């Protein structure tokens, strides 16, 4: 009995949490396809954070990812984590 009650409450909480996370103003699948920085059409934005963009290794990774994303029609936003794993 207690197990059934616990599972029912857990499932109801999970369902409530998942349905409340939705964004009503998101529009359809084409919403947000415009890149506001350059005014060009983009499939979307890919975000990445490197450990430290001062390191040539991570700079190369960011440059190559930007080329690949651009070739696929996406915009890449590379951010510097500045060595902080929490970012």
PDB file of N, CA and C in Angstrom:
ATOM      1  N   UNK A   1       0.826  -1.193   0.000  1.00  0.00           N
ATOM      2  CA  UNK A   1       0.000   0.000   0.000  1.00  0.00           C
ATOM      3  C   UNK A   1       0.871   1.258   0.000  1.00  0.00           C
ATOM      4  N   UNK A   2       1.861   1.268   0.903  1.00  0.00           N
ATOM      5  CA  UNK A   2       2.736   2.437   0.975  1.00  0.00           C
ATOM      6  C   UNK A   2       3.541   2.591  -0.311  1.00  0.00           C
ATOM      7  N   UNK A   3       3.938   1.465  -0.879  1.00  0.00           N
ATOM      8  CA  UNK A   3       4.722   1.514  -2.115  1.00  0.00           C
ATOM      9  C   UNK A   3       3.884   2.082  -3.261  1.00  0.00           C
ATOM     10  N   UNK A   4       2.651   1.663  -3.374  1.00  0.00           N
ATOM     11  CA  UNK A   4       1.758   2.159  -4.425  1.00  0.00           C
ATOM     12  C   UNK A   4       1.515   3.654  -4.260  1.00  0.00           C
ATOM     13  N   UNK A   5       1.280   4.093  -3.038  1.00  0.00           N
ATOM     14  CA  UNK A   5       1.070   5.513  -2.771  1.00  0.00           C
ATOM     15  C   UNK A   5       2.328   6.313  -3.114  1.00  0.00           C
ATOM     16  N   UNK A   6       3.486   5.791  -2.714  1.00  0.00           N
ATOM     17  CA  UNK A   6       4.746   6.466  -3.011  1.00  0.00           C
ATOM     18  C   UNK A   6       4.972   6.581  -4.517  1.00  0.00           C
ATOM     19  N   UNK A   7       4.744   5.497  -5.252  1.00  0.00           N
ATOM     20  CA  UNK A   7       4.922   5.519  -6.702  1.00  0.00           C
ATOM     21  C   UNK A   7       3.932   6.462  -7.373  1.00  0.00           C
ATOM     22  N   UNK A   8       2.706   6.498  -6.897  1.00  0.00           N
ATOM     23  CA  UNK A   8       1.697   7.393  -7.470  1.00  0.00           C
ATOM     24  C   UNK A   8       2.075   8.852  -7.266  1.00  0.00           C
ATOM     25  N   UNK A   9       2.506   9.185  -6.063  1.00  0.00           N
ATOM     26  CA  UNK A   9       2.908  10.566  -5.774  1.00  0.00           C
ATOM     27  C   UNK A   9       4.162  10.927  -6.562  1.00  0.00           C
ATOM     28  N   UNK A  10       5.106  10.009  -6.660  1.00  0.00           N
ATOM     29  CA  UNK A  10       6.330  10.264  -7.429  1.00  0.00           C
ATOM     30  C   UNK A  10       6.018  10.496  -8.900  1.00  0.00           C
ATOM     31  N   UNK A  11       5.164   9.665  -9.466  1.00  0.00           N
ATOM     32  CA  UNK A  11       4.801   9.813 -10.870  1.00  0.00           C
ATOM     33  C   UNK A  11       4.054  11.117 -11.111  1.00  0.00           C
ATOM     34  N   UNK A  12       3.135  11.471 -10.213  1.00  0.00           N
ATOM     35  CA  UNK A  12       2.393  12.725 -10.355  1.00  0.00           C
ATOM     36  C   UNK A  12       3.333  13.926 -10.271  1.00  0.00           C
ATOM     37  N   UNK A  13       4.298  13.868  -9.361  1.00  0.00           N
ATOM     38  CA  UNK A  13       5.271  14.958  -9.235  1.00  0.00           C
ATOM     39  C   UNK A  13       6.130  15.074 -10.487  1.00  0.00           C
ATOM     40  N   UNK A  14       6.563  13.943 -11.009  1.00  0.00           N
ATOM     41  CA  UNK A  14       7.363  13.938 -12.229  1.00  0.00           C
ATOM     42  C   UNK A  14       6.569  14.502 -13.400  1.00  0.00           C
ATOM     43  N   UNK A  15       5.334  14.082 -13.528  1.00  0.00           N
ATOM     44  CA  UNK A  15       4.476  14.563 -14.609  1.00  0.00           C
ATOM     45  C   UNK A  15       4.232  16.062 -14.493  1.00  0.00           C
ATOM     46  N   UNK A  16       3.963  16.540 -13.302  1.00  0.00           N
ATOM     47  CA  UNK A  16       3.753  17.966 -13.079  1.00  0.00           C
ATOM     48  C   UNK A  16       5.020  18.758 -13.400  1.00  0.00           C
ATOM     49  N   UNK A  17       6.163  18.249 -12.979  1.00  0.00           N
ATOM     50  CA  UNK A  17       7.427  18.931 -13.250  1.00  0.00           C
ATOM     51  C   UNK A  17       7.747  19.008 -14.727  1.00  0.00           C
ATOM     52  N   UNK A  18       7.499  17.939 -15.451  1.00  0.00           N
ATOM     53  CA  UNK A  18       7.794  17.932 -16.883  1.00  0.00           C
ATOM     54  C   UNK A  18       6.847  18.822 -17.674  1.00  0.00           C
ATOM     55  N   UNK A  19       5.588  18.855 -17.303  1.00  0.00           N
ATOM     56  CA  UNK A  19       4.640  19.686 -18.048  1.00  0.00           C
ATOM     57  C   UNK A  19       4.803  21.159 -17.724  1.00  0.00           C
ATOM     58  N   UNK A  20       5.298  21.487 -16.555  1.00  0.00           N
ATOM     59  CA  UNK A  20       5.469  22.896 -16.212  1.00  0.00           C
ATOM     60  C   UNK A  20       6.740  23.480 -16.807  1.00  0.00           C
ATOM     61  N   UNK A  21       7.607  22.652 -17.354  1.00  0.00           N
ATOM     62  CA  UNK A  21       8.853  23.137 -17.948  1.00  0.00           C
ATOM     63  C   UNK A  21       8.668  23.618 -19.378  1.00  0.00           C
ATOM     64  N   UNK A  22       7.529  23.421 -19.968  1.00  0.00           N
ATOM     65  CA  UNK A  22       7.292  23.825 -21.351  1.00  0.00           C
ATOM     66  C   UNK A  22       7.189  25.325 -21.488  1.00  0.00           C
ATOM     67  N   UNK A  23       7.552  25.831 -22.664  1.00  0.00           N
ATOM     68  CA  UNK A  23       7.481  27.254 -22.968  1.00  0.00           C
ATOM     69  C   UNK A  23       6.365  27.472 -23.972  1.00  0.00           C
ATOM     70  N   UNK A  24       5.307  28.168 -23.565  1.00  0.00           N
ATOM     71  CA  UNK A  24       4.158  28.373 -24.441  1.00  0.00           C
ATOM     72  C   UNK A  24       4.481  29.303 -25.606  1.00  0.00           C
ATOM     73  N   UNK A  25       5.426  30.212 -25.451  1.00  0.00           N
ATOM     74  CA  UNK A  25       5.741  31.180 -26.489  1.00  0.00           C
ATOM     75  C   UNK A  25       6.863  30.748 -27.415  1.00  0.00           C
ATOM     76  N   UNK A  26       7.177  29.466 -27.455  1.00  0.00           N
ATOM     77  CA  UNK A  26       8.320  29.027 -28.248  1.00  0.00           C
ATOM     78  C   UNK A  26       8.008  28.950 -29.728  1.00  0.00           C
ATOM     79  N   UNK A  27       6.751  28.895 -30.103  1.00  0.00           N
ATOM     80  CA  UNK A  27       6.410  28.806 -31.517  1.00  0.00           C
ATOM     81  C   UNK A  27       6.660  27.420 -32.054  1.00  0.00           C
ATOM     82  N   UNK A  28       6.804  27.334 -33.354  1.00  0.00           N
ATOM     83  CA  UNK A  28       7.012  26.047 -33.994  1.00  0.00           C
ATOM     84  C   UNK A  28       8.470  25.724 -34.156  1.00  0.00           C
ATOM     85  N   UNK A  29       8.754  24.740 -35.008  1.00  0.00           N
ATOM     86  CA  UNK A  29      10.145  24.344 -35.201  1.00  0.00           C
ATOM     87  C   UNK A  29      10.982  25.400 -35.912  1.00  0.00           C
ATOM     88  N   UNK A  30      10.348  26.358 -36.577  1.00  0.00           N
ATOM     89  CA  UNK A  30      11.091  27.397 -37.285  1.00  0.00           C
ATOM     90  C   UNK A  30      11.310  28.637 -36.435  1.00  0.00           C
ATOM     91  N   UNK A  31      10.819  28.655 -35.218  1.00  0.00           N
ATOM     92  CA  UNK A  31      10.980  29.820 -34.353  1.00  0.00           C
ATOM     93  C   UNK A  31      12.439  29.946 -33.942  1.00  0.00           C
ATOM     94  N   UNK A  32      12.989  31.142 -34.059  1.00  0.00           N
ATOM     95  CA  UNK A  32      14.352  31.389 -33.632  1.00  0.00           C
ATOM     96  C   UNK A  32      15.411  30.983 -34.626  1.00  0.00           C
ATOM     97  N   UNK A  33      15.081  30.889 -35.901  1.00  0.00           N
ATOM     98  CA  UNK A  33      16.072  30.504 -36.896  1.00  0.00           C
ATOM     99  C   UNK A  33      16.902  31.670 -37.389  1.00  0.00           C
ATOM    100  N   UNK A  34      16.627  32.861 -36.961  1.00  0.00           N
ATOM    101  CA  UNK A  34      17.394  34.018 -37.395  1.00  0.00           C
ATOM    102  C   UNK A  34      18.495  34.307 -36.392  1.00  0.00           C
ATOM    103  N   UNK A  35      19.690  34.494 -36.885  1.00  0.00           N
ATOM    104  CA  UNK A  35      20.812  34.865 -36.041  1.00  0.00           C
ATOM    105  C   UNK A  35      20.792  36.376 -35.903  1.00  0.00           C
ATOM    106  N   UNK A  36      20.561  36.899 -34.709  1.00  0.00           N
ATOM    107  CA  UNK A  36      20.404  38.333 -34.522  1.00  0.00           C
ATOM    108  C   UNK A  36      21.727  39.081 -34.626  1.00  0.00           C
ATOM    109  N   UNK A  37      22.861  38.390 -34.456  1.00  0.00           N
ATOM    110  CA  UNK A  37      24.147  39.075 -34.514  1.00  0.00           C
ATOM    111  C   UNK A  37      24.496  39.524 -35.926  1.00  0.00           C
ATOM    112  N   UNK A  38      24.313  38.663 -36.907  1.00  0.00           N
ATOM    113  CA  UNK A  38      24.728  39.003 -38.258  1.00  0.00           C
ATOM    114  C   UNK A  38      23.562  39.163 -39.214  1.00  0.00           C
ATOM    115  N   UNK A  39      22.352  38.816 -38.795  1.00  0.00           N
ATOM    116  CA  UNK A  39      21.196  38.955 -39.658  1.00  0.00           C
ATOM    117  C   UNK A  39      21.099  37.871 -40.709  1.00  0.00           C
ATOM    118  N   UNK A  40      21.915  36.835 -40.632  1.00  0.00           N
ATOM    119  CA  UNK A  40      21.872  35.761 -41.607  1.00  0.00           C
ATOM    120  C   UNK A  40      20.999  34.634 -41.096  1.00  0.00           C
ATOM    121  N   UNK A  41      20.487  33.853 -42.040  1.00  0.00           N
ATOM    122  CA  UNK A  41      19.648  32.730 -41.666  1.00  0.00           C
ATOM    123  C   UNK A  41      20.523  31.594 -41.152  1.00  0.00           C
ATOM    124  N   UNK A  42      20.059  30.934 -40.106  1.00  0.00           N
ATOM    125  CA  UNK A  42      20.819  29.858 -39.490  1.00  0.00           C
ATOM    126  C   UNK A  42      19.855  28.777 -39.047  1.00  0.00           C
ATOM    127  N   UNK A  43      20.306  27.529 -39.102  1.00  0.00           N
ATOM    128  CA  UNK A  43      19.473  26.427 -38.619  1.00  0.00           C
ATOM    129  C   UNK A  43      19.325  26.484 -37.109  1.00  0.00           C
ATOM    130  N   UNK A  44      20.313  27.035 -36.446  1.00  0.00           N
ATOM    131  CA  UNK A  44      20.299  27.113 -34.992  1.00  0.00           C
ATOM    132  C   UNK A  44      21.650  27.530 -34.464  1.00  0.00           C
ATOM    133  N   UNK A  45      21.755  27.570 -33.164  1.00  0.00           N
ATOM    134  CA  UNK A  45      22.995  27.977 -32.511  1.00  0.00           C
ATOM    135  C   UNK A  45      23.514  26.805 -31.685  1.00  0.00           C
ATOM    136  N   UNK A  46      24.790  26.514 -31.836  1.00  0.00           N
ATOM    137  CA  UNK A  46      25.456  25.486 -31.048  1.00  0.00           C
ATOM    138  C   UNK A  46      26.359  26.205 -30.057  1.00  0.00           C
ATOM    139  N   UNK A  47      26.210  25.900 -28.790  1.00  0.00           N
ATOM    140  CA  UNK A  47      27.039  26.506 -27.759  1.00  0.00           C
ATOM    141  C   UNK A  47      28.074  25.524 -27.255  1.00  0.00           C
ATOM    142  N   UNK A  48      29.275  26.011 -27.017  1.00  0.00           N
ATOM    143  CA  UNK A  48      30.328  25.164 -26.464  1.00  0.00           C
ATOM    144  C   UNK A  48      31.172  25.973 -25.497  1.00  0.00           C
ATOM    145  N   UNK A  49      31.701  25.299 -24.504  1.00  0.00           N
ATOM    146  CA  UNK A  49      32.603  25.930 -23.550  1.00  0.00           C
ATOM    147  C   UNK A  49      33.880  25.114 -23.497  1.00  0.00           C
ATOM    148  N   UNK A  50      35.000  25.785 -23.723  1.00  0.00           N
ATOM    149  CA  UNK A  50      36.304  25.134 -23.615  1.00  0.00           C
ATOM    150  C   UNK A  50      36.894  25.452 -22.251  1.00  0.00           C
ATOM    151  N   UNK A  51      37.777  24.590 -21.818  1.00  0.00           N
ATOM    152  CA  UNK A  51      38.414  24.773 -20.517  1.00  0.00           C
ATOM    153  C   UNK A  51      39.155  26.109 -20.456  1.00  0.00           C
ATOM    154  N   UNK A  52      39.874  26.447 -21.536  1.00  0.00           N
ATOM    155  CA  UNK A  52      40.643  27.681 -21.554  1.00  0.00           C
ATOM    156  C   UNK A  52      40.944  28.035 -23.005  1.00  0.00           C
ATOM    157  N   UNK A  53      40.352  29.101 -23.527  1.00  0.00           N
ATOM    158  CA  UNK A  53      40.574  29.474 -24.923  1.00  0.00           C
ATOM    159  C   UNK A  53      41.912  30.173 -25.142  1.00  0.00           C
ATOM    160  N   UNK A  54      42.709  30.372 -24.097  1.00  0.00           N
ATOM    161  CA  UNK A  54      44.065  30.892 -24.275  1.00  0.00           C
ATOM    162  C   UNK A  54      45.014  29.793 -24.727  1.00  0.00           C
ATOM    163  N   UNK A  55      44.632  28.550 -24.526  1.00  0.00           N
ATOM    164  CA  UNK A  55      45.427  27.395 -24.918  1.00  0.00           C
ATOM    165  C   UNK A  55      45.255  27.163 -26.423  1.00  0.00           C
ATOM    166  N   UNK A  56      46.344  27.072 -27.199  1.00  0.00           N
ATOM    167  CA  UNK A  56      46.240  26.868 -28.648  1.00  0.00           C
ATOM    168  C   UNK A  56      45.470  25.602 -29.030  1.00  0.00           C
ATOM    169  N   UNK A  57      45.538  24.570 -28.197  1.00  0.00           N
ATOM    170  CA  UNK A  57      44.811  23.332 -28.473  1.00  0.00           C
ATOM    171  C   UNK A  57      43.305  23.593 -28.498  1.00  0.00           C
ATOM    172  N   UNK A  58      42.804  24.287 -27.483  1.00  0.00           N
ATOM    173  CA  UNK A  58      41.373  24.566 -27.414  1.00  0.00           C
ATOM    174  C   UNK A  58      40.957  25.609 -28.449  1.00  0.00           C
ATOM    175  N   UNK A  59      41.864  26.530 -28.805  1.00  0.00           N
ATOM    176  CA  UNK A  59      41.573  27.489 -29.872  1.00  0.00           C
ATOM    177  C   UNK A  59      41.358  26.764 -31.192  1.00  0.00           C
ATOM    178  N   UNK A  60      42.203  25.782 -31.474  1.00  0.00           N
ATOM    179  CA  UNK A  60      42.075  24.999 -32.697  1.00  0.00           C
ATOM    180  C   UNK A  60      40.757  24.228 -32.716  1.00  0.00           C
ATOM    181  N   UNK A  61      40.392  23.644 -31.585  1.00  0.00           N
ATOM    182  CA  UNK A  61      39.119  22.923 -31.505  1.00  0.00           C
ATOM    183  C   UNK A  61      37.956  23.869 -31.794  1.00  0.00           C
ATOM    184  N   UNK A  62      37.969  25.057 -31.187  1.00  0.00           N
ATOM    185  CA  UNK A  62      36.891  26.027 -31.394  1.00  0.00           C
ATOM    186  C   UNK A  62      36.832  26.481 -32.851  1.00  0.00           C
ATOM    187  N   UNK A  63      37.989  26.718 -33.475  1.00  0.00           N
ATOM    188  CA  UNK A  63      38.018  27.146 -34.875  1.00  0.00           C
ATOM    189  C   UNK A  63      37.466  26.067 -35.795  1.00  0.00           C
ATOM    190  N   UNK A  64      37.871  24.835 -35.571  1.00  0.00           N
ATOM    191  CA  UNK A  64      37.398  23.737 -36.421  1.00  0.00           C
ATOM    192  C   UNK A  64      35.909  23.476 -36.218  1.00  0.00           C
ATOM    193  N   UNK A  65      35.455  23.599 -34.977  1.00  0.00           N
ATOM    194  CA  UNK A  65      34.021  23.429 -34.725  1.00  0.00           C
ATOM    195  C   UNK A  65      33.217  24.542 -35.388  1.00  0.00           C
ATOM    196  N   UNK A  66      33.760  25.756 -35.391  1.00  0.00           N
ATOM    197  CA  UNK A  66      33.075  26.874 -36.035  1.00  0.00           C
ATOM    198  C   UNK A  66      32.979  26.655 -37.545  1.00  0.00           C
ATOM    199  N   UNK A  67      34.049  26.151 -38.150  1.00  0.00           N
ATOM    200  CA  UNK A  67      34.027  25.844 -39.588  1.00  0.00           C
ATOM    201  C   UNK A  67      32.990  24.769 -39.895  1.00  0.00           C
ATOM    202  N   UNK A  68      32.992  23.699 -39.106  1.00  0.00           N
ATOM    203  CA  UNK A  68      32.059  22.593 -39.341  1.00  0.00           C
ATOM    204  C   UNK A  68      30.614  23.026 -39.116  1.00  0.00           C
ATOM    205  N   UNK A  69      30.382  23.823 -38.091  1.00  0.00           N
ATOM    206  CA  UNK A  69      29.024  24.300 -37.824  1.00  0.00           C
ATOM    207  C   UNK A  69      28.554  25.220 -38.940  1.00  0.00           C
ATOM    208  N   UNK A  70      29.434  26.107 -39.405  1.00  0.00           N
ATOM    209  CA  UNK A  70      29.079  27.007 -40.501  1.00  0.00           C
ATOM    210  C   UNK A  70      28.780  26.260 -41.780  1.00  0.00           C
ATOM    211  N   UNK A  71      29.551  25.214 -42.065  1.00  0.00           N
ATOM    212  CA  UNK A  71      29.317  24.416 -43.266  1.00  0.00           C
ATOM    213  C   UNK A  71      27.976  23.697 -43.201  1.00  0.00           C
ATOM    214  N   UNK A  72      27.532  23.363 -41.995  1.00  0.00           N
ATOM    215  CA  UNK A  72      26.247  22.677 -41.828  1.00  0.00           C
ATOM    216  C   UNK A  72      25.087  23.656 -41.670  1.00  0.00           C
ATOM    217  N   UNK A  73      25.380  24.963 -41.662  1.00  0.00           N
ATOM    218  CA  UNK A  73      24.326  25.968 -41.565  1.00  0.00           C
ATOM    219  C   UNK A  73      24.006  26.412 -40.148  1.00  0.00           C
ATOM    220  N   UNK A  74      24.856  26.090 -39.203  1.00  0.00           N
ATOM    221  CA  UNK A  74      24.633  26.466 -37.809  1.00  0.00           C
ATOM    222  C   UNK A  74      25.596  27.576 -37.403  1.00  0.00           C
ATOM    223  N   UNK A  75      25.289  28.251 -36.324  1.00  0.00           N
ATOM    224  CA  UNK A  75      26.156  29.261 -35.747  1.00  0.00           C
ATOM    225  C   UNK A  75      26.743  28.697 -34.460  1.00  0.00           C
ATOM    226  N   UNK A  76      28.045  28.855 -34.266  1.00  0.00           N
ATOM    227  CA  UNK A  76      28.707  28.358 -33.059  1.00  0.00           C
ATOM    228  C   UNK A  76      29.026  29.523 -32.142  1.00  0.00           C
ATOM    229  N   UNK A  77      28.684  29.390 -30.876  1.00  0.00           N
ATOM    230  CA  UNK A  77      29.048  30.360 -29.847  1.00  0.00           C
ATOM    231  C   UNK A  77      30.046  29.671 -28.923  1.00  0.00           C
ATOM    232  N   UNK A  78      31.331  29.988 -29.081  1.00  0.00           N
ATOM    233  CA  UNK A  78      32.387  29.393 -28.259  1.00  0.00           C
ATOM    234  C   UNK A  78      32.657  30.306 -27.072  1.00  0.00           C
ATOM    235  N   UNK A  79      32.612  29.743 -25.886  1.00  0.00           N
ATOM    236  CA  UNK A  79      32.833  30.514 -24.669  1.00  0.00           C
ATOM    237  C   UNK A  79      34.066  29.974 -23.943  1.00  0.00           C
ATOM    238  N   UNK A  80      34.748  30.863 -23.233  1.00  0.00           N
ATOM    239  CA  UNK A  80      35.945  30.504 -22.477  1.00  0.00           C
ATOM    240  C   UNK A  80      35.552  30.159 -21.043  1.00  0.00           C
ATOM    241  N   UNK A  81      35.847  28.935 -20.624  1.00  0.00           N
ATOM    242  CA  UNK A  81      35.539  28.511 -19.267  1.00  0.00           C
ATOM    243  C   UNK A  81      36.511  29.049 -18.239  1.00  0.00           C
ATOM    244  N   UNK A  82      37.627  29.584 -18.681  1.00  0.00           N
ATOM    245  CA  UNK A  82      38.662  30.168 -17.823  1.00  0.00           C
ATOM    246  C   UNK A  82      39.091  29.212 -16.715  1.00  0.00           C
ATOM    247  N   UNK A  83      39.149  27.925 -17.052  1.00  0.00           N
ATOM    248  CA  UNK A  83      39.624  26.928 -16.112  1.00  0.00           C
ATOM    249  C   UNK A  83      38.647  26.567 -15.009  1.00  0.00           C
ATOM    250  N   UNK A  84      37.436  27.108 -15.038  1.00  0.00           N
ATOM    251  CA  UNK A  84      36.442  26.830 -14.000  1.00  0.00           C
ATOM    252  C   UNK A  84      35.515  25.721 -14.466  1.00  0.00           C
ATOM    253  N   UNK A  85      35.568  24.579 -13.835  1.00  0.00           N
ATOM    254  CA  UNK A  85      34.749  23.434 -14.230  1.00  0.00           C
ATOM    255  C   UNK A  85      33.269  23.663 -13.956  1.00  0.00           C
ATOM    256  N   UNK A  86      32.924  24.614 -13.106  1.00  0.00           N
ATOM    257  CA  UNK A  86      31.521  24.880 -12.788  1.00  0.00           C
ATOM    258  C   UNK A  86      30.803  25.566 -13.937  1.00  0.00           C
ATOM    259  N   UNK A  87      31.532  26.191 -14.838  1.00  0.00           N
ATOM    260  CA  UNK A  87      30.893  26.861 -15.963  1.00  0.00           C
ATOM    261  C   UNK A  87      30.535  25.831 -16.985  1.00  0.00           C
TER     262      UNK A  87
END
